[in-house]
Amino acid sequence: MTDKDNLLIEDFFKQAAQQQIEDNGFTARVMKSLPESQQEKAHRLSLLWTVFCVVLSVALFFVFGGLETLKAGIMVVLQTVFTSLSVFLTTAPTTEVPLNPVVLLLVAAFVLIYLPYRTYRKLSGAL
């Protein structure tokens, strides 16, 4: 083949690539009539199973008194934290290292408030 033939073939395919054929919804009708693939079935079943498990978990949580247990657990954790903080603040002046309780409370507030907030922001930005 000559260069002229190559140019003619390239020109022909360029013109063919620029043509638009109206399908009047033919593609959508064909896609609807195709049988469902195994992957789509598996995805749908996975979604249904997830919804079922979430609903069952929430129902069992309330049936077996999970709310009261959660409240009690949070109260135990808060009491433990405040007791530990109280013991630390009362015994801190007896240590050899001078500690300022105001600075200590500011550091505790930083650790308990700012660091979880910053972690949440990083994680939400990553998603």
C-alpha atoms as a PDB file:
ATOM      1  CA  MET A   1       0.000   0.000   0.000  1.00  0.00           C
ATOM      2  CA  THR A   2       1.102   3.479  -0.745  1.00  0.00           C
ATOM      3  CA  ASP A   3       1.049   6.580   1.352  1.00  0.00           C
ATOM      4  CA  LYS A   4      -1.914   7.822  -0.663  1.00  0.00           C
ATOM      5  CA  ASP A   5      -3.896   4.688   0.260  1.00  0.00           C
ATOM      6  CA  ASN A   6      -2.989   5.120   3.910  1.00  0.00           C
ATOM      7  CA  LEU A   7      -4.147   8.734   3.839  1.00  0.00           C
ATOM      8  CA  LEU A   8      -7.429   7.740   2.195  1.00  0.00           C
ATOM      9  CA  ILE A   9      -8.049   5.031   4.801  1.00  0.00           C
ATOM     10  CA  GLU A  10      -7.244   7.391   7.688  1.00  0.00           C
ATOM     11  CA  ASP A  11      -9.535  10.049   6.197  1.00  0.00           C
ATOM     12  CA  PHE A  12     -12.339   7.507   5.809  1.00  0.00           C
ATOM     13  CA  PHE A  13     -12.085   6.377   9.444  1.00  0.00           C
ATOM     14  CA  LYS A  14     -11.902   9.968  10.719  1.00  0.00           C
ATOM     15  CA  GLN A  15     -15.155  10.759   8.937  1.00  0.00           C
ATOM     16  CA  ALA A  16     -16.770   7.545  10.212  1.00  0.00           C
ATOM     17  CA  ALA A  17     -15.742   8.337  13.788  1.00  0.00           C
ATOM     18  CA  GLN A  18     -17.429  11.749  13.603  1.00  0.00           C
ATOM     19  CA  GLN A  19     -20.817  10.386  12.513  1.00  0.00           C
ATOM     20  CA  GLN A  20     -23.580  10.200  15.110  1.00  0.00           C
ATOM     21  CA  ILE A  21     -26.325   7.624  14.715  1.00  0.00           C
ATOM     22  CA  GLU A  22     -29.573   8.287  16.559  1.00  0.00           C
ATOM     23  CA  ASP A  23     -30.749   5.226  18.412  1.00  0.00           C
ATOM     24  CA  ASN A  24     -34.062   6.641  19.743  1.00  0.00           C
ATOM     25  CA  GLY A  25     -33.746   4.778  23.036  1.00  0.00           C
ATOM     26  CA  PHE A  26     -32.669   1.508  21.414  1.00  0.00           C
ATOM     27  CA  THR A  27     -29.638   1.117  23.672  1.00  0.00           C
ATOM     28  CA  ALA A  28     -31.695   1.642  26.831  1.00  0.00           C
ATOM     29  CA  ARG A  29     -34.268  -0.929  25.701  1.00  0.00           C
ATOM     30  CA  VAL A  30     -31.566  -3.478  24.922  1.00  0.00           C
ATOM     31  CA  MET A  31     -29.880  -2.923  28.293  1.00  0.00           C
ATOM     32  CA  LYS A  32     -33.224  -3.396  30.091  1.00  0.00           C
ATOM     33  CA  SER A  33     -33.936  -6.633  28.241  1.00  0.00           C
ATOM     34  CA  LEU A  34     -30.551  -8.193  29.100  1.00  0.00           C
ATOM     35  CA  PRO A  35     -30.609 -10.748  31.904  1.00  0.00           C
ATOM     36  CA  GLU A  36     -29.243  -9.678  35.265  1.00  0.00           C
ATOM     37  CA  SER A  37     -25.585 -10.586  35.780  1.00  0.00           C
ATOM     38  CA  GLN A  38     -24.307 -12.648  38.691  1.00  0.00           C
ATOM     39  CA  GLN A  39     -22.472  -9.632  40.068  1.00  0.00           C
ATOM     40  CA  GLU A  40     -25.653  -7.546  40.141  1.00  0.00           C
ATOM     41  CA  LYS A  41     -27.538 -10.362  41.874  1.00  0.00           C
ATOM     42  CA  ALA A  42     -24.773 -10.738  44.449  1.00  0.00           C
ATOM     43  CA  HIS A  43     -24.715  -6.989  45.056  1.00  0.00           C
ATOM     44  CA  ARG A  44     -28.483  -6.843  45.529  1.00  0.00           C
ATOM     45  CA  LEU A  45     -28.439  -9.824  47.928  1.00  0.00           C
ATOM     46  CA  SER A  46     -25.545  -8.279  49.856  1.00  0.00           C
ATOM     47  CA  LEU A  47     -27.450  -5.031  50.194  1.00  0.00           C
ATOM     48  CA  LEU A  48     -30.593  -6.821  51.387  1.00  0.00           C
ATOM     49  CA  TRP A  49     -28.600  -8.884  53.886  1.00  0.00           C
ATOM     50  CA  THR A  50     -26.922  -5.749  55.250  1.00  0.00           C
ATOM     51  CA  VAL A  51     -30.263  -3.979  55.708  1.00  0.00           C
ATOM     52  CA  PHE A  52     -31.729  -7.056  57.413  1.00  0.00           C
ATOM     53  CA  CYS A  53     -28.775  -7.338  59.821  1.00  0.00           C
ATOM     54  CA  VAL A  54     -28.899  -3.635  60.707  1.00  0.00           C
ATOM     55  CA  VAL A  55     -32.640  -3.730  61.391  1.00  0.00           C
ATOM     56  CA  LEU A  56     -32.299  -6.911  63.452  1.00  0.00           C
ATOM     57  CA  SER A  57     -29.368  -5.464  65.426  1.00  0.00           C
ATOM     58  CA  VAL A  58     -31.248  -2.264  66.252  1.00  0.00           C
ATOM     59  CA  ALA A  59     -34.335  -4.228  67.290  1.00  0.00           C
ATOM     60  CA  LEU A  60     -32.318  -6.570  69.519  1.00  0.00           C
ATOM     61  CA  PHE A  61     -30.443  -3.618  71.001  1.00  0.00           C
ATOM     62  CA  PHE A  62     -33.695  -2.115  72.263  1.00  0.00           C
ATOM     63  CA  VAL A  63     -35.355  -5.442  73.177  1.00  0.00           C
ATOM     64  CA  PHE A  64     -32.502  -6.498  75.445  1.00  0.00           C
ATOM     65  CA  GLY A  65     -32.100  -3.090  77.105  1.00  0.00           C
ATOM     66  CA  GLY A  66     -29.015  -1.943  75.301  1.00  0.00           C
ATOM     67  CA  LEU A  67     -29.794   1.711  75.925  1.00  0.00           C
ATOM     68  CA  GLU A  68     -29.681   1.293  79.699  1.00  0.00           C
ATOM     69  CA  THR A  69     -26.485  -0.758  79.435  1.00  0.00           C
ATOM     70  CA  LEU A  70     -24.904   1.885  77.231  1.00  0.00           C
ATOM     71  CA  LYS A  71     -25.857   4.638  79.687  1.00  0.00           C
ATOM     72  CA  ALA A  72     -24.446   2.628  82.600  1.00  0.00           C
ATOM     73  CA  GLY A  73     -21.219   1.976  80.703  1.00  0.00           C
ATOM     74  CA  ILE A  74     -20.777   5.642  79.871  1.00  0.00           C
ATOM     75  CA  MET A  75     -21.391   6.591  83.500  1.00  0.00           C
ATOM     76  CA  VAL A  76     -18.774   4.067  84.686  1.00  0.00           C
ATOM     77  CA  VAL A  77     -16.233   5.431  82.220  1.00  0.00           C
ATOM     78  CA  LEU A  78     -16.936   9.041  83.237  1.00  0.00           C
ATOM     79  CA  GLN A  79     -16.721   8.187  86.944  1.00  0.00           C
ATOM     80  CA  THR A  80     -13.417   6.407  86.364  1.00  0.00           C
ATOM     81  CA  VAL A  81     -11.992   9.334  84.405  1.00  0.00           C
ATOM     82  CA  PHE A  82     -13.087  11.911  86.985  1.00  0.00           C
ATOM     83  CA  THR A  83     -11.853   9.785  89.884  1.00  0.00           C
ATOM     84  CA  SER A  84      -8.481   9.291  88.219  1.00  0.00           C
ATOM     85  CA  LEU A  85      -8.254  12.996  87.449  1.00  0.00           C
ATOM     86  CA  SER A  86      -9.203  13.893  91.006  1.00  0.00           C
ATOM     87  CA  VAL A  87      -6.593  11.521  92.452  1.00  0.00           C
ATOM     88  CA  PHE A  88      -3.977  12.872  90.074  1.00  0.00           C
ATOM     89  CA  LEU A  89      -4.745  16.501  90.903  1.00  0.00           C
ATOM     90  CA  THR A  90      -4.640  15.858  94.658  1.00  0.00           C
ATOM     91  CA  THR A  91      -1.390  13.896  94.498  1.00  0.00           C
ATOM     92  CA  ALA A  92       0.311  16.091  91.870  1.00  0.00           C
ATOM     93  CA  PRO A  93       1.462  18.766  94.369  1.00  0.00           C
ATOM     94  CA  THR A  94       3.253  16.077  96.388  1.00  0.00           C
ATOM     95  CA  THR A  95       5.413  15.050  93.444  1.00  0.00           C
ATOM     96  CA  GLU A  96       8.816  16.569  92.854  1.00  0.00           C
ATOM     97  CA  VAL A  97       7.754  18.013  89.505  1.00  0.00           C
ATOM     98  CA  PRO A  98       5.787  21.264  89.877  1.00  0.00           C
ATOM     99  CA  LEU A  99       2.471  21.068  88.007  1.00  0.00           C
ATOM    100  CA  ASN A 100       0.021  23.857  87.372  1.00  0.00           C
ATOM    101  CA  PRO A 101      -3.549  22.476  87.573  1.00  0.00           C
ATOM    102  CA  VAL A 102      -4.830  25.053  85.072  1.00  0.00           C
ATOM    103  CA  VAL A 103      -2.246  24.014  82.497  1.00  0.00           C
ATOM    104  CA  LEU A 104      -3.021  20.384  83.219  1.00  0.00           C
ATOM    105  CA  LEU A 105      -6.749  20.961  82.637  1.00  0.00           C
ATOM    106  CA  LEU A 106      -6.014  22.817  79.386  1.00  0.00           C
ATOM    107  CA  VAL A 107      -3.868  19.947  78.145  1.00  0.00           C
ATOM    108  CA  ALA A 108      -6.588  17.452  79.120  1.00  0.00           C
ATOM    109  CA  ALA A 109      -9.195  19.542  77.277  1.00  0.00           C
ATOM    110  CA  PHE A 110      -6.915  19.649  74.228  1.00  0.00           C
ATOM    111  CA  VAL A 111      -6.491  15.887  74.246  1.00  0.00           C
ATOM    112  CA  LEU A 112     -10.178  15.140  74.873  1.00  0.00           C
ATOM    113  CA  ILE A 113     -11.673  17.720  72.460  1.00  0.00           C
ATOM    114  CA  TYR A 114      -9.277  18.899  69.774  1.00  0.00           C
ATOM    115  CA  LEU A 115      -7.500  15.669  68.882  1.00  0.00           C
ATOM    116  CA  PRO A 116     -10.713  13.664  68.242  1.00  0.00           C
ATOM    117  CA  TYR A 117     -12.059  16.625  66.235  1.00  0.00           C
ATOM    118  CA  ARG A 118      -8.923  16.768  64.108  1.00  0.00           C
ATOM    119  CA  THR A 119      -8.995  13.014  63.567  1.00  0.00           C
ATOM    120  CA  TYR A 120     -12.649  13.228  62.501  1.00  0.00           C
ATOM    121  CA  ARG A 121     -11.815  15.998  60.020  1.00  0.00           C
ATOM    122  CA  LYS A 122      -8.956  13.996  58.508  1.00  0.00           C
ATOM    123  CA  LEU A 123     -11.074  10.875  58.195  1.00  0.00           C
ATOM    124  CA  SER A 124     -14.026  12.717  56.673  1.00  0.00           C
ATOM    125  CA  GLY A 125     -11.693  14.404  54.192  1.00  0.00           C
ATOM    126  CA  ALA A 126     -10.214  11.049  53.201  1.00  0.00           C
ATOM    127  CA  LEU A 127     -13.620   9.570  52.451  1.00  0.00           C
END
